[in-house]
Every structure is written in C-alpha cells, then in structure tokens.
Amino acid sequence: MLIVMTIFAINVYLQHPILDSFLFSLTLTFGLIPQVLPAIININLSRGAREMAQKKVIVRRLASIENLGSTNMLCSNKTGTLTSSSRFRA
C-alpha cells in the first residue's frame, strides 16, 4: 500500500493525470508482488521464530513454524514429550 501511495504521489507531483497515475502505481505494485512474496514470507517466519525463541522454543527450520501453524491437535504425555501423530484410545 505504501508503494502505491508513493508512486501515485510522485506521478501527481510530476503533473501526470490522476487516473493514469493511480492505474500505473496499482499495476506496478501488482507486478512486484510475485518477486517480493518470498521475502515477505521469510520475514514473517523469522518474526515468528524470534517470538518463539523469547518463549524458550527452539526452532531449527523456518518451515516448521508454517507446519505448526496448520496443526489441529498436538499430543504430549505428562512430561511434555511429543508423541506420534496418531490418536490412541485407552
């Protein structure tokens, strides 16, 4: 959004038509999304790893944060040791 506003402001300052300036800035922004998306994902996963590290969680791979985010159920025993992903009935 900041990119759109900046490019739009520059084009208006250069006295280009307002509609053309807006459409150009919007088109340029959508064109940049595929190139910037991996960086945005890595930044957000790194932020998640940093927040988890503050809570004394060890994160070895950033992709594991994404996998943990899609977890519906996490099973552990009394000591907190993680068990297998299947459920057992006692």
Foldseek 3Di string as FASTA:
>chain_A
DVQLVVQLVVCVVVVDDNVVSNVVSVVVVVVCCVVCVVVVLVVVLVVVCVVVVVVVDDDDDSVVVVVVVPDDDWDDDPVRHGDDPDDDDD
